[in-house]
Amino acid sequence: MDIVITYVNGLDPIWQQEYAKHTNTPILEKRFRDWGTLKYLFRGIETNMPFIRKVHLVVSGESQVPKWLNREQVNVVLHKDIIPAQLLPTFNCNPIEMHLHNIADLDEEYIYFNDDIFPLLPCQPTDFFRNGKGVLGMSHHLLAWDMFKKICRNSDRLARKILGLKPQHRFLRPQHTCQPMLKSEIKAVYDRLEKEILGSMTTTRSAKNLNQYLYLDYMYLNGKIINERLSKKHFSVGWVSAGKLRKFIERPTHKLTCINDVHLSESRYTELRTTLIEAFERSMPNKSKYEI
């Protein structure tokens, strides 16, 4: 199986110029801010997921590729390589995630990682896939009160529609962690719904979007996902103390952790960023094969 990671460095001046040129939406720091922790995701993969065949890093352009990345070990994928030209440039994760299956030489079984999710303890292939099925916790929600949940609801309704199922008031929401994907299942959905998918996409996020949950909902409703929660601890940097974050990284109790960014003061961002890097350096001090 492969891993696909999407990454954006909001501090990149070339990216910032493109953003200002193509959108009037203010830059949302929590969505684009770089915490300097990407290399530790790669170290975690090498240490705790040695069964991975290939890692693919998806970025908007060459200026986004980290200087330390070993491109002999990582397949760098640019947006233009996988996303239809009419959707580019994009500053919206949804068009990116909806087209990851177009990556060249992508394995049938792949795990999609955001750059804020880290494997901290040894994992097994069966944590993510068993007998041709993905493993992921799926829950039901009733209220779609914010943009993200509206996008989730859009995806649930369309997945049910193409499977001939009746719409429901409740909608599915996959566990917030890395996600096991089956390329053939995703391609089948995309080929059938290409017009609807492309028509829902916008340069920045909108409540009309579909997202990759369309694929996961379809897989689950089609019997291709085992509903079992992955071993993951979630932290919001808006609430967690620096000490608690440091303690967990150095002595983890779950295989995976998500360190979710929110709006922060500059001083708290600096404090937590320093804490994270110091803790990761203590727990994973050695360079991985993915680094120069």
C-alpha atoms as a PDB file:
ATOM      1  CA  MET A   1       0.000   0.000   0.000  1.00  0.00           C
ATOM      2  CA  ASP A   2       1.007   3.627  -0.575  1.00  0.00           C
ATOM      3  CA  ILE A   3       0.667   6.844   1.388  1.00  0.00           C
ATOM      4  CA  VAL A   4      -0.461  10.142  -0.152  1.00  0.00           C
ATOM      5  CA  ILE A   5       0.261  13.364   1.760  1.00  0.00           C
ATOM      6  CA  THR A   6      -1.116  16.781   0.811  1.00  0.00           C
ATOM      7  CA  TYR A   7       0.933  19.747   1.941  1.00  0.00           C
ATOM      8  CA  VAL A   8       0.892  23.529   1.685  1.00  0.00           C
ATOM      9  CA  ASN A   9       3.405  26.025   3.035  1.00  0.00           C
ATOM     10  CA  GLY A  10       1.525  29.282   3.487  1.00  0.00           C
ATOM     11  CA  LEU A  11       4.818  31.118   4.134  1.00  0.00           C
ATOM     12  CA  ASP A  12       5.993  30.535   0.563  1.00  0.00           C
ATOM     13  CA  PRO A  13       6.025  33.990  -1.166  1.00  0.00           C
ATOM     14  CA  ILE A  14       5.331  32.483  -4.600  1.00  0.00           C
ATOM     15  CA  TRP A  15       2.269  30.710  -3.227  1.00  0.00           C
ATOM     16  CA  GLN A  16       1.168  33.923  -1.476  1.00  0.00           C
ATOM     17  CA  GLN A  17       1.423  35.881  -4.743  1.00  0.00           C
ATOM     18  CA  GLU A  18      -0.688  33.304  -6.545  1.00  0.00           C
ATOM     19  CA  TYR A  19      -3.229  33.347  -3.743  1.00  0.00           C
ATOM     20  CA  ALA A  20      -3.555  37.139  -3.857  1.00  0.00           C
ATOM     21  CA  LYS A  21      -3.835  37.075  -7.653  1.00  0.00           C
ATOM     22  CA  HIS A  22      -6.635  34.545  -7.854  1.00  0.00           C
ATOM     23  CA  THR A  23      -8.816  35.148  -4.799  1.00  0.00           C
ATOM     24  CA  ASN A  24     -10.133  37.962  -2.638  1.00  0.00           C
ATOM     25  CA  THR A  25     -10.583  35.632   0.340  1.00  0.00           C
ATOM     26  CA  PRO A  26      -8.234  36.512   3.231  1.00  0.00           C
ATOM     27  CA  ILE A  27      -5.617  33.851   3.926  1.00  0.00           C
ATOM     28  CA  LEU A  28      -6.904  31.606   6.702  1.00  0.00           C
ATOM     29  CA  GLU A  29      -3.777  31.028   8.772  1.00  0.00           C
ATOM     30  CA  LYS A  30      -5.010  27.872  10.452  1.00  0.00           C
ATOM     31  CA  ARG A  31      -5.490  26.214   7.057  1.00  0.00           C
ATOM     32  CA  PHE A  32      -2.202  27.238   5.445  1.00  0.00           C
ATOM     33  CA  ARG A  33       0.238  27.907   8.308  1.00  0.00           C
ATOM     34  CA  ASP A  34       3.423  25.794   8.279  1.00  0.00           C
ATOM     35  CA  TRP A  35       4.366  24.277  11.664  1.00  0.00           C
ATOM     36  CA  GLY A  36       7.703  22.869  10.509  1.00  0.00           C
ATOM     37  CA  THR A  37       6.644  19.316  11.441  1.00  0.00           C
ATOM     38  CA  LEU A  38       6.311  17.615   8.040  1.00  0.00           C
ATOM     39  CA  LYS A  39       9.654  15.808   8.345  1.00  0.00           C
ATOM     40  CA  TYR A  40       8.402  14.085  11.499  1.00  0.00           C
ATOM     41  CA  LEU A  41       5.451  12.653   9.603  1.00  0.00           C
ATOM     42  CA  PHE A  42       7.984  11.074   7.240  1.00  0.00           C
ATOM     43  CA  ARG A  43      10.082   9.834  10.178  1.00  0.00           C
ATOM     44  CA  GLY A  44       6.958   8.317  11.713  1.00  0.00           C
ATOM     45  CA  ILE A  45       6.131   6.543   8.459  1.00  0.00           C
ATOM     46  CA  GLU A  46       9.599   5.022   8.163  1.00  0.00           C
ATOM     47  CA  THR A  47       9.721   3.960  11.824  1.00  0.00           C
ATOM     48  CA  ASN A  48       6.146   2.849  12.407  1.00  0.00           C
ATOM     49  CA  MET A  49       4.848   1.903   8.936  1.00  0.00           C
ATOM     50  CA  PRO A  50       7.734   0.020   7.255  1.00  0.00           C
ATOM     51  CA  PHE A  51       5.276  -1.887   5.050  1.00  0.00           C
ATOM     52  CA  ILE A  52       4.545   1.222   2.933  1.00  0.00           C
ATOM     53  CA  ARG A  53       5.570   0.744  -0.710  1.00  0.00           C
ATOM     54  CA  LYS A  54       5.757   4.389  -1.811  1.00  0.00           C
ATOM     55  CA  VAL A  55       5.045   7.859  -0.421  1.00  0.00           C
ATOM     56  CA  HIS A  56       3.553  10.559  -2.680  1.00  0.00           C
ATOM     57  CA  LEU A  57       3.700  14.238  -1.644  1.00  0.00           C
ATOM     58  CA  VAL A  58       1.133  16.461  -3.360  1.00  0.00           C
ATOM     59  CA  VAL A  59       1.928  20.193  -3.604  1.00  0.00           C
ATOM     60  CA  SER A  60       0.823  23.110  -5.763  1.00  0.00           C
ATOM     61  CA  GLY A  61       4.219  23.767  -7.358  1.00  0.00           C
ATOM     62  CA  GLU A  62       7.969  23.368  -7.126  1.00  0.00           C
ATOM     63  CA  SER A  63       8.338  26.257  -4.657  1.00  0.00           C
ATOM     64  CA  GLN A  64       6.327  24.188  -2.164  1.00  0.00           C
ATOM     65  CA  VAL A  65       8.721  21.231  -2.113  1.00  0.00           C
ATOM     66  CA  PRO A  66      10.733  21.261   1.154  1.00  0.00           C
ATOM     67  CA  LYS A  67      14.468  21.738   0.632  1.00  0.00           C
ATOM     68  CA  TRP A  68      15.228  18.727   2.841  1.00  0.00           C
ATOM     69  CA  LEU A  69      13.066  16.272   0.873  1.00  0.00           C
ATOM     70  CA  ASN A  70      14.821  13.287  -0.742  1.00  0.00           C
ATOM     71  CA  ARG A  71      13.082  13.127  -4.100  1.00  0.00           C
ATOM     72  CA  GLU A  72      14.657   9.767  -4.866  1.00  0.00           C
ATOM     73  CA  GLN A  73      12.503   8.324  -2.079  1.00  0.00           C
ATOM     74  CA  VAL A  74       9.384  10.516  -2.367  1.00  0.00           C
ATOM     75  CA  ASN A  75       7.238  10.928  -5.460  1.00  0.00           C
ATOM     76  CA  VAL A  76       6.492  14.653  -5.711  1.00  0.00           C
ATOM     77  CA  VAL A  77       3.138  15.272  -7.388  1.00  0.00           C
ATOM     78  CA  LEU A  78       2.143  18.750  -8.580  1.00  0.00           C
ATOM     79  CA  HIS A  79      -1.484  19.843  -8.747  1.00  0.00           C
ATOM     80  CA  LYS A  80      -1.250  20.164 -12.532  1.00  0.00           C
ATOM     81  CA  ASP A  81      -0.302  16.488 -12.742  1.00  0.00           C
ATOM     82  CA  ILE A  82      -3.635  15.273 -11.360  1.00  0.00           C
ATOM     83  CA  ILE A  83      -6.235  18.088 -11.342  1.00  0.00           C
ATOM     84  CA  PRO A  84      -8.117  19.299 -14.453  1.00  0.00           C
ATOM     85  CA  ALA A  85      -6.722  22.590 -15.744  1.00  0.00           C
ATOM     86  CA  GLN A  86     -10.044  24.425 -15.378  1.00  0.00           C
ATOM     87  CA  LEU A  87      -9.831  24.023 -11.592  1.00  0.00           C
ATOM     88  CA  LEU A  88      -6.318  25.481 -11.267  1.00  0.00           C
ATOM     89  CA  PRO A  89      -4.916  27.177  -9.387  1.00  0.00           C
ATOM     90  CA  THR A  90      -6.812  26.009  -6.347  1.00  0.00           C
ATOM     91  CA  PHE A  91      -6.523  27.031  -2.700  1.00  0.00           C
ATOM     92  CA  ASN A  92      -9.203  24.573  -1.635  1.00  0.00           C
ATOM     93  CA  CYS A  93      -8.377  21.106  -0.325  1.00  0.00           C
ATOM     94  CA  ASN A  94     -11.477  19.580  -1.910  1.00  0.00           C
ATOM     95  CA  PRO A  95     -10.466  19.696  -5.605  1.00  0.00           C
ATOM     96  CA  ILE A  96      -7.080  18.315  -4.576  1.00  0.00           C
ATOM     97  CA  GLU A  97      -8.461  15.429  -2.531  1.00  0.00           C
ATOM     98  CA  MET A  98     -11.049  14.535  -5.170  1.00  0.00           C
ATOM     99  CA  HIS A  99      -8.286  13.905  -7.731  1.00  0.00           C
ATOM    100  CA  LEU A 100      -5.633  12.034  -5.752  1.00  0.00           C
ATOM    101  CA  HIS A 101      -6.561   8.800  -7.528  1.00  0.00           C
ATOM    102  CA  ASN A 102      -4.974  10.266 -10.708  1.00  0.00           C
ATOM    103  CA  ILE A 103      -1.445  10.002  -9.244  1.00  0.00           C
ATOM    104  CA  ALA A 104       0.771   7.946 -11.544  1.00  0.00           C
ATOM    105  CA  ASP A 105       1.834   4.532 -10.182  1.00  0.00           C
ATOM    106  CA  LEU A 106      -0.520   4.821  -7.222  1.00  0.00           C
ATOM    107  CA  ASP A 107      -1.249   1.521  -5.500  1.00  0.00           C
ATOM    108  CA  GLU A 108      -4.810   0.163  -5.381  1.00  0.00           C
ATOM    109  CA  GLU A 109      -4.694   0.474  -1.591  1.00  0.00           C
ATOM    110  CA  TYR A 110      -3.466   3.856  -0.377  1.00  0.00           C
ATOM    111  CA  ILE A 111      -3.762   5.847   2.835  1.00  0.00           C
ATOM    112  CA  TYR A 112      -4.470   9.557   2.609  1.00  0.00           C
ATOM    113  CA  PHE A 113      -2.687  11.687   5.225  1.00  0.00           C
ATOM    114  CA  ASN A 114      -3.137  15.365   5.943  1.00  0.00           C
ATOM    115  CA  ASP A 115       0.142  16.900   7.075  1.00  0.00           C
ATOM    116  CA  ASP A 116      -1.125  17.260  10.664  1.00  0.00           C
ATOM    117  CA  ILE A 117      -1.468  13.506  11.311  1.00  0.00           C
ATOM    118  CA  PHE A 118       1.492  11.534  12.652  1.00  0.00           C
ATOM    119  CA  PRO A 119       2.085   7.800  13.266  1.00  0.00           C
ATOM    120  CA  LEU A 120       3.763   7.638  16.685  1.00  0.00           C
ATOM    121  CA  LEU A 121       3.595   3.906  17.500  1.00  0.00           C
ATOM    122  CA  PRO A 122       4.113   0.787  15.354  1.00  0.00           C
ATOM    123  CA  CYS A 123       1.231   0.128  12.969  1.00  0.00           C
ATOM    124  CA  GLN A 124       0.227  -2.988  11.034  1.00  0.00           C
ATOM    125  CA  PRO A 125      -1.176  -3.206   7.484  1.00  0.00           C
ATOM    126  CA  THR A 126      -4.359  -4.666   8.976  1.00  0.00           C
ATOM    127  CA  ASP A 127      -4.891  -1.457  10.916  1.00  0.00           C
ATOM    128  CA  PHE A 128      -5.877   0.121   7.572  1.00  0.00           C
ATOM    129  CA  PHE A 129      -6.938  -2.656   5.175  1.00  0.00           C
ATOM    130  CA  ARG A 130      -8.302  -6.171   5.618  1.00  0.00           C
ATOM    131  CA  ASN A 131      -9.364  -8.547   2.867  1.00  0.00           C
ATOM    132  CA  GLY A 132      -9.660  -5.803   0.260  1.00  0.00           C
ATOM    133  CA  LYS A 133     -11.627  -3.472   2.547  1.00  0.00           C
ATOM    134  CA  GLY A 134     -10.602  -0.262   4.282  1.00  0.00           C
ATOM    135  CA  VAL A 135     -10.778   0.075   8.068  1.00  0.00           C
ATOM    136  CA  LEU A 136     -12.196   3.346   9.401  1.00  0.00           C
ATOM    137  CA  GLY A 137     -14.653   4.568  11.997  1.00  0.00           C
ATOM    138  CA  MET A 138     -17.892   5.934  10.528  1.00  0.00           C
ATOM    139  CA  SER A 139     -20.416   7.949  12.518  1.00  0.00           C
ATOM    140  CA  HIS A 140     -23.794   9.574  11.825  1.00  0.00           C
ATOM    141  CA  HIS A 141     -24.598  13.259  12.272  1.00  0.00           C
ATOM    142  CA  LEU A 142     -27.864  15.146  12.095  1.00  0.00           C
ATOM    143  CA  LEU A 143     -27.075  18.869  12.088  1.00  0.00           C
ATOM    144  CA  ALA A 144     -25.026  20.500   9.321  1.00  0.00           C
ATOM    145  CA  TRP A 145     -24.521  23.875  10.980  1.00  0.00           C
ATOM    146  CA  ASP A 146     -21.150  24.859   9.504  1.00  0.00           C
ATOM    147  CA  MET A 147     -19.548  24.791   6.055  1.00  0.00           C
ATOM    148  CA  PHE A 148     -17.577  21.607   6.633  1.00  0.00           C
ATOM    149  CA  LYS A 149     -20.602  19.608   7.775  1.00  0.00           C
ATOM    150  CA  LYS A 150     -22.637  20.916   4.826  1.00  0.00           C
ATOM    151  CA  ILE A 151     -19.916  19.594   2.520  1.00  0.00           C
ATOM    152  CA  CYS A 152     -20.065  16.250   4.376  1.00  0.00           C
ATOM    153  CA  ARG A 153     -23.840  16.166   3.894  1.00  0.00           C
ATOM    154  CA  ASN A 154     -23.501  16.938   0.183  1.00  0.00           C
ATOM    155  CA  SER A 155     -21.149  14.000  -0.203  1.00  0.00           C
ATOM    156  CA  ASP A 156     -23.354  11.599   1.789  1.00  0.00           C
ATOM    157  CA  ARG A 157     -26.440  12.420  -0.259  1.00  0.00           C
ATOM    158  CA  LEU A 158     -24.698  11.906  -3.583  1.00  0.00           C
ATOM    159  CA  ALA A 159     -23.118   8.613  -2.463  1.00  0.00           C
ATOM    160  CA  ARG A 160     -26.573   7.304  -1.494  1.00  0.00           C
ATOM    161  CA  LYS A 161     -28.083   8.534  -4.747  1.00  0.00           C
ATOM    162  CA  ILE A 162     -25.699   6.654  -7.035  1.00  0.00           C
ATOM    163  CA  LEU A 163     -26.186   3.489  -4.968  1.00  0.00           C
ATOM    164  CA  GLY A 164     -29.964   3.784  -5.315  1.00  0.00           C
ATOM    165  CA  LEU A 165     -30.480   4.378  -1.594  1.00  0.00           C
ATOM    166  CA  LYS A 166     -33.055   6.700  -0.099  1.00  0.00           C
ATOM    167  CA  PRO A 167     -31.763  10.015   1.278  1.00  0.00           C
ATOM    168  CA  GLN A 168     -31.665  10.342   5.056  1.00  0.00           C
ATOM    169  CA  HIS A 169     -31.792  13.247   7.470  1.00  0.00           C
ATOM    170  CA  ARG A 170     -28.615  11.955   9.095  1.00  0.00           C
ATOM    171  CA  PHE A 171     -25.353  11.975   7.168  1.00  0.00           C
ATOM    172  CA  LEU A 172     -22.152   9.984   7.469  1.00  0.00           C
ATOM    173  CA  ARG A 173     -18.899  11.444   8.700  1.00  0.00           C
ATOM    174  CA  PRO A 174     -15.694   9.383   8.588  1.00  0.00           C
ATOM    175  CA  GLN A 175     -13.312   9.426  11.542  1.00  0.00           C
ATOM    176  CA  HIS A 176     -10.971  12.429  11.467  1.00  0.00           C
ATOM    177  CA  THR A 177      -7.708  10.631  10.813  1.00  0.00           C
ATOM    178  CA  CYS A 178      -5.752   9.210   7.894  1.00  0.00           C
ATOM    179  CA  GLN A 179      -8.093   7.483   5.474  1.00  0.00           C
ATOM    180  CA  PRO A 180      -7.827   4.122   3.673  1.00  0.00           C
ATOM    181  CA  MET A 181      -8.757   4.504   0.006  1.00  0.00           C
ATOM    182  CA  LEU A 182      -9.350   1.964  -2.769  1.00  0.00           C
ATOM    183  CA  LYS A 183      -8.370   3.422  -6.136  1.00  0.00           C
ATOM    184  CA  SER A 184     -10.727   1.268  -8.217  1.00  0.00           C
ATOM    185  CA  GLU A 185     -13.741   2.193  -6.058  1.00  0.00           C
ATOM    186  CA  ILE A 186     -12.863   5.878  -6.254  1.00  0.00           C
ATOM    187  CA  LYS A 187     -12.354   5.791 -10.008  1.00  0.00           C
ATOM    188  CA  ALA A 188     -15.748   4.121 -10.445  1.00  0.00           C
ATOM    189  CA  VAL A 189     -17.408   6.955  -8.502  1.00  0.00           C
ATOM    190  CA  TYR A 190     -15.466   9.674 -10.298  1.00  0.00           C
ATOM    191  CA  ASP A 191     -16.158   8.286 -13.762  1.00  0.00           C
ATOM    192  CA  ARG A 192     -19.862   8.216 -12.992  1.00  0.00           C
ATOM    193  CA  LEU A 193     -20.037  11.627 -11.295  1.00  0.00           C
ATOM    194  CA  GLU A 194     -17.329  13.649 -13.028  1.00  0.00           C
ATOM    195  CA  LYS A 195     -19.757  16.373 -14.137  1.00  0.00           C
ATOM    196  CA  GLU A 196     -21.218  16.784 -10.632  1.00  0.00           C
ATOM    197  CA  ILE A 197     -17.793  16.720  -8.972  1.00  0.00           C
ATOM    198  CA  LEU A 198     -16.280  19.326 -11.296  1.00  0.00           C
ATOM    199  CA  GLY A 199     -19.393  21.507 -11.042  1.00  0.00           C
ATOM    200  CA  SER A 200     -19.180  21.589  -7.254  1.00  0.00           C
ATOM    201  CA  MET A 201     -15.570  22.798  -7.080  1.00  0.00           C
ATOM    202  CA  THR A 202     -14.501  26.354  -6.204  1.00  0.00           C
ATOM    203  CA  THR A 203     -11.145  28.123  -5.876  1.00  0.00           C
ATOM    204  CA  THR A 204     -11.578  28.451  -2.105  1.00  0.00           C
ATOM    205  CA  ARG A 205     -13.837  26.353   0.108  1.00  0.00           C
ATOM    206  CA  SER A 206     -17.585  26.701  -0.322  1.00  0.00           C
ATOM    207  CA  ALA A 207     -20.629  24.967   1.143  1.00  0.00           C
ATOM    208  CA  LYS A 208     -21.524  23.748  -2.366  1.00  0.00           C
ATOM    209  CA  ASN A 209     -18.367  21.594  -2.566  1.00  0.00           C
ATOM    210  CA  LEU A 210     -18.159  17.844  -2.476  1.00  0.00           C
ATOM    211  CA  ASN A 211     -15.175  16.303  -0.698  1.00  0.00           C
ATOM    212  CA  GLN A 212     -13.367  12.955  -0.556  1.00  0.00           C
ATOM    213  CA  TYR A 213     -15.936  11.767   1.960  1.00  0.00           C
ATOM    214  CA  LEU A 214     -18.061  11.047  -1.116  1.00  0.00           C
ATOM    215  CA  TYR A 215     -15.640   8.201  -1.877  1.00  0.00           C
ATOM    216  CA  LEU A 216     -15.497   6.968   1.713  1.00  0.00           C
ATOM    217  CA  ASP A 217     -19.283   7.132   2.129  1.00  0.00           C
ATOM    218  CA  TYR A 218     -19.707   5.200  -1.112  1.00  0.00           C
ATOM    219  CA  MET A 219     -17.167   2.596  -0.025  1.00  0.00           C
ATOM    220  CA  TYR A 220     -18.869   2.191   3.359  1.00  0.00           C
ATOM    221  CA  LEU A 221     -22.385   1.957   1.924  1.00  0.00           C
ATOM    222  CA  ASN A 222     -21.083  -0.463  -0.710  1.00  0.00           C
ATOM    223  CA  GLY A 223     -19.576  -2.781   1.911  1.00  0.00           C
ATOM    224  CA  LYS A 224     -15.942  -1.796   1.296  1.00  0.00           C
ATOM    225  CA  ILE A 225     -15.198  -0.255   4.705  1.00  0.00           C
ATOM    226  CA  ILE A 226     -15.053  -2.051   8.044  1.00  0.00           C
ATOM    227  CA  ASN A 227     -16.521   0.320  10.627  1.00  0.00           C
ATOM    228  CA  GLU A 228     -13.775   0.246  13.236  1.00  0.00           C
ATOM    229  CA  ARG A 229     -12.089   3.287  14.710  1.00  0.00           C
ATOM    230  CA  LEU A 230      -8.374   3.649  14.190  1.00  0.00           C
ATOM    231  CA  SER A 231      -6.157   4.148  17.248  1.00  0.00           C
ATOM    232  CA  LYS A 232      -5.889   7.943  17.210  1.00  0.00           C
ATOM    233  CA  LYS A 233      -5.645  10.830  19.669  1.00  0.00           C
ATOM    234  CA  HIS A 234      -6.874  14.255  18.566  1.00  0.00           C
ATOM    235  CA  PHE A 235      -5.468  17.537  19.863  1.00  0.00           C
ATOM    236  CA  SER A 236      -6.685  21.038  19.105  1.00  0.00           C
ATOM    237  CA  VAL A 237      -3.871  23.547  19.582  1.00  0.00           C
ATOM    238  CA  GLY A 238      -6.492  26.012  20.783  1.00  0.00           C
ATOM    239  CA  TRP A 239      -7.044  24.017  23.970  1.00  0.00           C
ATOM    240  CA  VAL A 240      -4.132  21.707  24.680  1.00  0.00           C
ATOM    241  CA  SER A 241      -1.308  22.828  26.951  1.00  0.00           C
ATOM    242  CA  ALA A 242       2.270  22.732  25.720  1.00  0.00           C
ATOM    243  CA  GLY A 243       3.148  20.287  28.503  1.00  0.00           C
ATOM    244  CA  LYS A 244       0.383  17.841  27.635  1.00  0.00           C
ATOM    245  CA  LEU A 245       1.308  17.935  23.954  1.00  0.00           C
ATOM    246  CA  ARG A 246       4.980  17.296  24.764  1.00  0.00           C
ATOM    247  CA  LYS A 247       4.134  14.416  27.091  1.00  0.00           C
ATOM    248  CA  PHE A 248       1.949  12.659  24.518  1.00  0.00           C
ATOM    249  CA  ILE A 249       4.464  12.937  21.685  1.00  0.00           C
ATOM    250  CA  GLU A 250       7.272  11.608  23.857  1.00  0.00           C
ATOM    251  CA  ARG A 251       5.113   8.867  25.458  1.00  0.00           C
ATOM    252  CA  PRO A 252       2.200   8.209  23.067  1.00  0.00           C
ATOM    253  CA  THR A 253      -0.762   6.051  24.050  1.00  0.00           C
ATOM    254  CA  HIS A 254      -2.316   5.836  20.563  1.00  0.00           C
ATOM    255  CA  LYS A 255      -0.803   4.811  17.231  1.00  0.00           C
ATOM    256  CA  LEU A 256      -1.788   8.033  15.466  1.00  0.00           C
ATOM    257  CA  THR A 257      -2.253  11.612  16.517  1.00  0.00           C
ATOM    258  CA  CYS A 258      -3.854  14.589  14.796  1.00  0.00           C
ATOM    259  CA  ILE A 259      -2.621  18.023  15.889  1.00  0.00           C
ATOM    260  CA  ASN A 260      -5.315  20.293  14.539  1.00  0.00           C
ATOM    261  CA  ASP A 261      -4.581  23.969  13.915  1.00  0.00           C
ATOM    262  CA  VAL A 262      -7.009  26.748  14.933  1.00  0.00           C
ATOM    263  CA  HIS A 263      -6.804  30.534  15.180  1.00  0.00           C
ATOM    264  CA  LEU A 264      -4.004  31.408  17.626  1.00  0.00           C
ATOM    265  CA  SER A 265      -2.132  34.461  18.796  1.00  0.00           C
ATOM    266  CA  GLU A 266       1.375  34.737  17.371  1.00  0.00           C
ATOM    267  CA  SER A 267       2.901  34.139  20.800  1.00  0.00           C
ATOM    268  CA  ARG A 268       0.940  30.925  21.413  1.00  0.00           C
ATOM    269  CA  TYR A 269       1.676  29.677  17.890  1.00  0.00           C
ATOM    270  CA  THR A 270       5.393  30.249  18.496  1.00  0.00           C
ATOM    271  CA  GLU A 271       5.255  28.512  21.891  1.00  0.00           C
ATOM    272  CA  LEU A 272       3.425  25.443  20.593  1.00  0.00           C
ATOM    273  CA  ARG A 273       5.489  25.223  17.408  1.00  0.00           C
ATOM    274  CA  THR A 274       8.680  25.216  19.469  1.00  0.00           C
ATOM    275  CA  THR A 275       7.216  22.607  21.835  1.00  0.00           C
ATOM    276  CA  LEU A 276       6.194  20.339  18.972  1.00  0.00           C
ATOM    277  CA  ILE A 277       9.540  20.457  17.198  1.00  0.00           C
ATOM    278  CA  GLU A 278      11.478  19.866  20.439  1.00  0.00           C
ATOM    279  CA  ALA A 279       9.246  16.925  21.398  1.00  0.00           C
ATOM    280  CA  PHE A 280       9.419  15.364  17.940  1.00  0.00           C
ATOM    281  CA  GLU A 281      13.208  15.760  17.931  1.00  0.00           C
ATOM    282  CA  ARG A 282      13.436  13.890  21.219  1.00  0.00           C
ATOM    283  CA  SER A 283      11.113  11.090  20.124  1.00  0.00           C
ATOM    284  CA  MET A 284      12.325  10.821  16.479  1.00  0.00           C
ATOM    285  CA  PRO A 285      15.835  12.356  16.359  1.00  0.00           C
ATOM    286  CA  ASN A 286      17.176  10.454  13.348  1.00  0.00           C
ATOM    287  CA  LYS A 287      16.691  11.489   9.749  1.00  0.00           C
ATOM    288  CA  SER A 288      14.515   9.204   7.665  1.00  0.00           C
ATOM    289  CA  LYS A 289      15.331   7.941   4.182  1.00  0.00           C
ATOM    290  CA  TYR A 290      12.870  10.572   2.945  1.00  0.00           C
ATOM    291  CA  GLU A 291      15.259  13.375   3.997  1.00  0.00           C
ATOM    292  CA  ILE A 292      18.475  14.484   2.345  1.00  0.00           C
END
